[in-house]
């Protein structure tokens, strides 16, 4: 399990956005990113909503973070012009009423978009602090109904990068000021689609 290290990063909430790639690139948070509806029944009091996070500069956030490994920082370089291989999403993971939404940053490789590092930043006193990191590639973190879901591809000896043998999907929840593992699943991929047709059973 990745350590949840709370280290202040000198980036304010109003930092400018940097270029990124991927369908989940930075942008305003939507209701479906945190799961469920944003409105509460009229008969029940509504919970205090989190503030919508200002767009951050994810590249600066990662590069200024002393908990990020030197290897990941070396990978974090422009692929084309000023386009960096980062995916960014916003949502409520740490359930802090009145605080800004949390920021999930995934750092990828330029060539094949393999995730080399996943991080969660939480707003505290006007700055973001690192509260989660996973740096065992290939890795990718997402927000799913208020939980942090981390997917890790599993490779057996001889597997090409494009064809892992399976994946582990780990769900984390914010408990007592840190992320703890709630449960995990493992999926083994079938090699039937790419297998030798001569080994298929007779009709």
C-alpha atoms as a PDB file:
ATOM      1  CA  UNK A   1       0.000   0.000   0.000  1.00  0.00           C
ATOM      2  CA  UNK A   2       1.304   3.394  -0.897  1.00  0.00           C
ATOM      3  CA  UNK A   3       2.224   5.551   2.055  1.00  0.00           C
ATOM      4  CA  UNK A   4      -0.003   8.503   2.740  1.00  0.00           C
ATOM      5  CA  UNK A   5       2.519  11.200   3.365  1.00  0.00           C
ATOM      6  CA  UNK A   6       1.232  14.679   4.091  1.00  0.00           C
ATOM      7  CA  UNK A   7       3.864  17.048   2.792  1.00  0.00           C
ATOM      8  CA  UNK A   8       3.023  20.652   2.004  1.00  0.00           C
ATOM      9  CA  UNK A   9       3.596  21.609  -1.595  1.00  0.00           C
ATOM     10  CA  UNK A  10       4.205  25.264  -2.366  1.00  0.00           C
ATOM     11  CA  UNK A  11       1.478  25.670  -4.911  1.00  0.00           C
ATOM     12  CA  UNK A  12      -1.473  27.966  -4.270  1.00  0.00           C
ATOM     13  CA  UNK A  13      -5.040  27.208  -5.275  1.00  0.00           C
ATOM     14  CA  UNK A  14      -4.902  29.786  -8.031  1.00  0.00           C
ATOM     15  CA  UNK A  15      -2.028  28.247  -9.996  1.00  0.00           C
ATOM     16  CA  UNK A  16      -2.346  28.336 -13.760  1.00  0.00           C
ATOM     17  CA  UNK A  17      -3.186  25.177 -15.638  1.00  0.00           C
ATOM     18  CA  UNK A  18      -0.658  23.271 -17.704  1.00  0.00           C
ATOM     19  CA  UNK A  19      -1.272  21.301 -20.851  1.00  0.00           C
ATOM     20  CA  UNK A  20      -2.120  17.628 -20.516  1.00  0.00           C
ATOM     21  CA  UNK A  21      -3.295  14.599 -22.414  1.00  0.00           C
ATOM     22  CA  UNK A  22      -6.026  12.038 -22.000  1.00  0.00           C
ATOM     23  CA  UNK A  23      -9.792  11.961 -21.766  1.00  0.00           C
ATOM     24  CA  UNK A  24      -9.700  12.673 -18.048  1.00  0.00           C
ATOM     25  CA  UNK A  25      -7.516  15.754 -18.365  1.00  0.00           C
ATOM     26  CA  UNK A  26      -8.049  18.645 -16.023  1.00  0.00           C
ATOM     27  CA  UNK A  27     -11.334  20.497 -16.050  1.00  0.00           C
ATOM     28  CA  UNK A  28     -14.219  21.441 -13.790  1.00  0.00           C
ATOM     29  CA  UNK A  29     -15.529  18.660 -11.609  1.00  0.00           C
ATOM     30  CA  UNK A  30     -18.921  17.212 -12.510  1.00  0.00           C
ATOM     31  CA  UNK A  31     -21.474  15.445 -10.381  1.00  0.00           C
ATOM     32  CA  UNK A  32     -20.627  12.089 -11.927  1.00  0.00           C
ATOM     33  CA  UNK A  33     -16.974  12.347 -10.879  1.00  0.00           C
ATOM     34  CA  UNK A  34     -17.904  12.140  -7.242  1.00  0.00           C
ATOM     35  CA  UNK A  35     -20.861   9.829  -7.741  1.00  0.00           C
ATOM     36  CA  UNK A  36     -24.517  10.410  -7.016  1.00  0.00           C
ATOM     37  CA  UNK A  37     -26.677  13.492  -7.358  1.00  0.00           C
ATOM     38  CA  UNK A  38     -25.653  16.872  -6.090  1.00  0.00           C
ATOM     39  CA  UNK A  39     -29.131  17.753  -4.831  1.00  0.00           C
ATOM     40  CA  UNK A  40     -30.608  16.391  -1.617  1.00  0.00           C
ATOM     41  CA  UNK A  41     -34.267  15.545  -0.947  1.00  0.00           C
ATOM     42  CA  UNK A  42     -36.243  18.573   0.181  1.00  0.00           C
ATOM     43  CA  UNK A  43     -37.108  16.865   3.476  1.00  0.00           C
ATOM     44  CA  UNK A  44     -33.465  16.355   4.442  1.00  0.00           C
ATOM     45  CA  UNK A  45     -30.866  19.058   5.158  1.00  0.00           C
ATOM     46  CA  UNK A  46     -28.193  19.312   2.499  1.00  0.00           C
ATOM     47  CA  UNK A  47     -24.602  18.626   3.495  1.00  0.00           C
ATOM     48  CA  UNK A  48     -22.088  21.444   3.148  1.00  0.00           C
ATOM     49  CA  UNK A  49     -20.674  21.116  -0.374  1.00  0.00           C
ATOM     50  CA  UNK A  50     -16.999  21.181  -1.139  1.00  0.00           C
ATOM     51  CA  UNK A  51     -15.703  24.197  -2.992  1.00  0.00           C
ATOM     52  CA  UNK A  52     -14.980  23.645  -6.653  1.00  0.00           C
ATOM     53  CA  UNK A  53     -11.233  23.404  -6.982  1.00  0.00           C
ATOM     54  CA  UNK A  54      -9.465  26.089  -8.960  1.00  0.00           C
ATOM     55  CA  UNK A  55      -7.574  24.727 -11.927  1.00  0.00           C
ATOM     56  CA  UNK A  56      -4.099  23.831 -10.801  1.00  0.00           C
ATOM     57  CA  UNK A  57      -0.801  23.452 -12.595  1.00  0.00           C
ATOM     58  CA  UNK A  58      -0.344  19.662 -12.244  1.00  0.00           C
ATOM     59  CA  UNK A  59       3.186  19.684 -13.619  1.00  0.00           C
ATOM     60  CA  UNK A  60       4.358  22.216 -11.058  1.00  0.00           C
ATOM     61  CA  UNK A  61       2.411  20.402  -8.354  1.00  0.00           C
ATOM     62  CA  UNK A  62       4.287  17.147  -9.025  1.00  0.00           C
ATOM     63  CA  UNK A  63       7.690  18.673  -9.680  1.00  0.00           C
ATOM     64  CA  UNK A  64       7.582  20.708  -6.450  1.00  0.00           C
ATOM     65  CA  UNK A  65       6.467  17.698  -4.397  1.00  0.00           C
ATOM     66  CA  UNK A  66       9.428  16.249  -2.447  1.00  0.00           C
ATOM     67  CA  UNK A  67       7.606  12.921  -1.982  1.00  0.00           C
ATOM     68  CA  UNK A  68       7.569  12.237  -5.737  1.00  0.00           C
ATOM     69  CA  UNK A  69      10.426  10.047  -6.891  1.00  0.00           C
ATOM     70  CA  UNK A  70      13.216  11.349  -9.094  1.00  0.00           C
ATOM     71  CA  UNK A  71      12.319   8.717 -11.711  1.00  0.00           C
ATOM     72  CA  UNK A  72       8.775  10.064 -12.100  1.00  0.00           C
ATOM     73  CA  UNK A  73      10.014  13.643 -12.275  1.00  0.00           C
ATOM     74  CA  UNK A  74      12.376  12.626 -15.078  1.00  0.00           C
ATOM     75  CA  UNK A  75       9.435  11.146 -17.002  1.00  0.00           C
ATOM     76  CA  UNK A  76       7.443  14.343 -16.553  1.00  0.00           C
ATOM     77  CA  UNK A  77       8.592  16.212 -19.630  1.00  0.00           C
ATOM     78  CA  UNK A  78       6.721  17.590 -22.652  1.00  0.00           C
ATOM     79  CA  UNK A  79       5.749  15.057 -25.306  1.00  0.00           C
ATOM     80  CA  UNK A  80       4.953  17.682 -27.945  1.00  0.00           C
ATOM     81  CA  UNK A  81       5.541  21.409 -27.521  1.00  0.00           C
ATOM     82  CA  UNK A  82       4.220  22.207 -24.042  1.00  0.00           C
ATOM     83  CA  UNK A  83       1.885  19.193 -23.788  1.00  0.00           C
ATOM     84  CA  UNK A  84       2.755  17.104 -20.727  1.00  0.00           C
ATOM     85  CA  UNK A  85       1.673  13.466 -20.235  1.00  0.00           C
ATOM     86  CA  UNK A  86      -0.630  14.066 -17.267  1.00  0.00           C
ATOM     87  CA  UNK A  87      -4.263  13.264 -16.542  1.00  0.00           C
ATOM     88  CA  UNK A  88      -5.982  15.338 -13.860  1.00  0.00           C
ATOM     89  CA  UNK A  89      -9.368  14.954 -12.171  1.00  0.00           C
ATOM     90  CA  UNK A  90     -11.138  16.765  -9.333  1.00  0.00           C
ATOM     91  CA  UNK A  91     -13.541  15.390  -6.743  1.00  0.00           C
ATOM     92  CA  UNK A  92     -14.362  14.892  -3.080  1.00  0.00           C
ATOM     93  CA  UNK A  93     -12.190  12.075  -1.738  1.00  0.00           C
ATOM     94  CA  UNK A  94     -11.209  13.325   1.701  1.00  0.00           C
ATOM     95  CA  UNK A  95     -14.671  14.639   2.576  1.00  0.00           C
ATOM     96  CA  UNK A  96     -13.657  17.982   3.985  1.00  0.00           C
ATOM     97  CA  UNK A  97     -16.763  20.202   4.281  1.00  0.00           C
ATOM     98  CA  UNK A  98     -16.061  23.635   2.892  1.00  0.00           C
ATOM     99  CA  UNK A  99     -12.610  22.723   1.585  1.00  0.00           C
ATOM    100  CA  UNK A 100     -11.663  22.656  -2.071  1.00  0.00           C
ATOM    101  CA  UNK A 101     -12.071  19.469  -4.057  1.00  0.00           C
ATOM    102  CA  UNK A 102      -9.187  17.034  -4.049  1.00  0.00           C
ATOM    103  CA  UNK A 103      -6.938  16.709  -7.090  1.00  0.00           C
ATOM    104  CA  UNK A 104      -5.862  13.372  -8.593  1.00  0.00           C
ATOM    105  CA  UNK A 105      -2.835  13.513 -10.887  1.00  0.00           C
ATOM    106  CA  UNK A 106      -1.624  10.634 -13.053  1.00  0.00           C
ATOM    107  CA  UNK A 107       1.786  10.897 -14.722  1.00  0.00           C
ATOM    108  CA  UNK A 108       2.130   8.854 -17.931  1.00  0.00           C
ATOM    109  CA  UNK A 109       4.861   8.027 -20.399  1.00  0.00           C
ATOM    110  CA  UNK A 110       4.808   9.840 -23.729  1.00  0.00           C
ATOM    111  CA  UNK A 111       5.205   6.850 -26.024  1.00  0.00           C
ATOM    112  CA  UNK A 112       2.656   4.332 -24.793  1.00  0.00           C
ATOM    113  CA  UNK A 113       0.772   6.257 -22.066  1.00  0.00           C
ATOM    114  CA  UNK A 114       1.810   3.883 -19.295  1.00  0.00           C
ATOM    115  CA  UNK A 115       1.057   5.272 -15.842  1.00  0.00           C
ATOM    116  CA  UNK A 116       4.249   5.740 -13.843  1.00  0.00           C
ATOM    117  CA  UNK A 117       2.833   7.621 -10.855  1.00  0.00           C
ATOM    118  CA  UNK A 118      -0.519   8.463  -9.283  1.00  0.00           C
ATOM    119  CA  UNK A 119      -1.025  11.123  -6.611  1.00  0.00           C
ATOM    120  CA  UNK A 120      -3.808  12.707  -4.573  1.00  0.00           C
ATOM    121  CA  UNK A 121      -3.502  16.282  -3.317  1.00  0.00           C
ATOM    122  CA  UNK A 122      -5.707  17.751  -0.598  1.00  0.00           C
ATOM    123  CA  UNK A 123      -6.202  21.449   0.047  1.00  0.00           C
ATOM    124  CA  UNK A 124      -5.032  22.640   3.444  1.00  0.00           C
ATOM    125  CA  UNK A 125      -4.577  26.257   4.521  1.00  0.00           C
ATOM    126  CA  UNK A 126      -4.594  27.488   0.926  1.00  0.00           C
ATOM    127  CA  UNK A 127      -2.041  24.950  -0.304  1.00  0.00           C
ATOM    128  CA  UNK A 128      -2.201  21.404  -1.610  1.00  0.00           C
ATOM    129  CA  UNK A 129      -0.573  18.579   0.341  1.00  0.00           C
ATOM    130  CA  UNK A 130       0.202  15.098  -0.932  1.00  0.00           C
ATOM    131  CA  UNK A 131      -1.947  12.524   0.858  1.00  0.00           C
ATOM    132  CA  UNK A 132      -1.455   9.531  -1.473  1.00  0.00           C
ATOM    133  CA  UNK A 133       1.111   8.262  -3.948  1.00  0.00           C
ATOM    134  CA  UNK A 134       1.580   5.066  -5.957  1.00  0.00           C
ATOM    135  CA  UNK A 135       4.683   4.707  -8.093  1.00  0.00           C
ATOM    136  CA  UNK A 136       4.714   1.044  -9.137  1.00  0.00           C
ATOM    137  CA  UNK A 137       4.064   1.227 -12.904  1.00  0.00           C
ATOM    138  CA  UNK A 138       1.826   0.607 -14.692  1.00  0.00           C
ATOM    139  CA  UNK A 139      -0.579   2.375 -12.335  1.00  0.00           C
ATOM    140  CA  UNK A 140      -3.613   4.636 -12.748  1.00  0.00           C
ATOM    141  CA  UNK A 141      -5.857   6.310 -10.145  1.00  0.00           C
ATOM    142  CA  UNK A 142      -9.451   7.455 -10.558  1.00  0.00           C
ATOM    143  CA  UNK A 143     -12.307   8.835  -8.467  1.00  0.00           C
ATOM    144  CA  UNK A 144     -15.275   6.484  -8.262  1.00  0.00           C
ATOM    145  CA  UNK A 145     -18.303   7.503  -6.165  1.00  0.00           C
ATOM    146  CA  UNK A 146     -16.171   9.201  -3.548  1.00  0.00           C
ATOM    147  CA  UNK A 147     -13.575   6.415  -3.368  1.00  0.00           C
ATOM    148  CA  UNK A 148     -10.043   6.350  -4.758  1.00  0.00           C
ATOM    149  CA  UNK A 149      -9.670   3.429  -7.175  1.00  0.00           C
ATOM    150  CA  UNK A 150      -6.156   2.447  -8.244  1.00  0.00           C
ATOM    151  CA  UNK A 151      -5.600   0.021 -11.107  1.00  0.00           C
ATOM    152  CA  UNK A 152      -2.270  -1.769 -11.460  1.00  0.00           C
ATOM    153  CA  UNK A 153      -1.474  -3.841 -14.536  1.00  0.00           C
ATOM    154  CA  UNK A 154       0.132  -7.199 -13.809  1.00  0.00           C
ATOM    155  CA  UNK A 155       2.781  -8.624 -16.112  1.00  0.00           C
ATOM    156  CA  UNK A 156       4.145 -12.136 -16.190  1.00  0.00           C
ATOM    157  CA  UNK A 157       7.599 -12.885 -17.543  1.00  0.00           C
ATOM    158  CA  UNK A 158       7.644 -12.329 -21.278  1.00  0.00           C
ATOM    159  CA  UNK A 159       4.479 -10.207 -21.459  1.00  0.00           C
ATOM    160  CA  UNK A 160       4.776  -7.276 -23.901  1.00  0.00           C
ATOM    161  CA  UNK A 161       3.792  -3.844 -22.611  1.00  0.00           C
ATOM    162  CA  UNK A 162       0.648  -3.962 -24.728  1.00  0.00           C
ATOM    163  CA  UNK A 163      -0.525  -7.300 -23.282  1.00  0.00           C
ATOM    164  CA  UNK A 164      -0.442  -7.617 -19.480  1.00  0.00           C
ATOM    165  CA  UNK A 165      -1.573 -10.893 -17.921  1.00  0.00           C
ATOM    166  CA  UNK A 166      -4.089  -9.201 -15.650  1.00  0.00           C
ATOM    167  CA  UNK A 167      -4.835  -6.312 -13.347  1.00  0.00           C
ATOM    168  CA  UNK A 168      -5.351  -5.577  -9.670  1.00  0.00           C
ATOM    169  CA  UNK A 169      -8.005  -2.990  -8.766  1.00  0.00           C
ATOM    170  CA  UNK A 170      -7.643  -1.537  -5.265  1.00  0.00           C
ATOM    171  CA  UNK A 171     -10.249   0.693  -3.632  1.00  0.00           C
ATOM    172  CA  UNK A 172      -9.115   3.141  -0.946  1.00  0.00           C
ATOM    173  CA  UNK A 173     -11.247   5.205   1.434  1.00  0.00           C
ATOM    174  CA  UNK A 174     -10.321   8.233   3.493  1.00  0.00           C
ATOM    175  CA  UNK A 175     -10.429   7.154   7.139  1.00  0.00           C
ATOM    176  CA  UNK A 176      -9.028   8.917  10.197  1.00  0.00           C
ATOM    177  CA  UNK A 177      -6.973  11.332   8.116  1.00  0.00           C
ATOM    178  CA  UNK A 178      -5.441   8.848   5.672  1.00  0.00           C
ATOM    179  CA  UNK A 179      -6.305   6.531   2.803  1.00  0.00           C
ATOM    180  CA  UNK A 180      -6.800   2.914   3.834  1.00  0.00           C
ATOM    181  CA  UNK A 181      -7.474  -0.065   1.586  1.00  0.00           C
ATOM    182  CA  UNK A 182     -11.148  -1.047   1.592  1.00  0.00           C
ATOM    183  CA  UNK A 183     -10.987  -4.005  -0.784  1.00  0.00           C
ATOM    184  CA  UNK A 184      -9.297  -5.255  -3.921  1.00  0.00           C
ATOM    185  CA  UNK A 185     -10.089  -7.433  -6.894  1.00  0.00           C
ATOM    186  CA  UNK A 186      -7.812  -9.189  -9.377  1.00  0.00           C
ATOM    187  CA  UNK A 187      -8.677  -9.925 -12.977  1.00  0.00           C
ATOM    188  CA  UNK A 188      -6.758 -12.362 -15.166  1.00  0.00           C
ATOM    189  CA  UNK A 189      -6.961 -11.533 -18.855  1.00  0.00           C
ATOM    190  CA  UNK A 190      -7.805 -14.262 -21.318  1.00  0.00           C
ATOM    191  CA  UNK A 191      -5.278 -14.846 -24.084  1.00  0.00           C
ATOM    192  CA  UNK A 192      -7.875 -16.525 -26.267  1.00  0.00           C
ATOM    193  CA  UNK A 193      -8.171 -13.565 -28.634  1.00  0.00           C
ATOM    194  CA  UNK A 194      -4.476 -13.574 -29.331  1.00  0.00           C
ATOM    195  CA  UNK A 195      -3.881 -17.284 -28.982  1.00  0.00           C
ATOM    196  CA  UNK A 196      -2.859 -19.782 -31.608  1.00  0.00           C
ATOM    197  CA  UNK A 197      -5.941 -20.781 -33.630  1.00  0.00           C
ATOM    198  CA  UNK A 198      -4.506 -24.266 -34.040  1.00  0.00           C
ATOM    199  CA  UNK A 199      -4.977 -24.817 -30.318  1.00  0.00           C
ATOM    200  CA  UNK A 200      -8.694 -24.028 -30.422  1.00  0.00           C
ATOM    201  CA  UNK A 201     -11.031 -26.999 -29.802  1.00  0.00           C
ATOM    202  CA  UNK A 202     -12.616 -28.677 -32.785  1.00  0.00           C
ATOM    203  CA  UNK A 203     -16.214 -27.607 -33.515  1.00  0.00           C
END
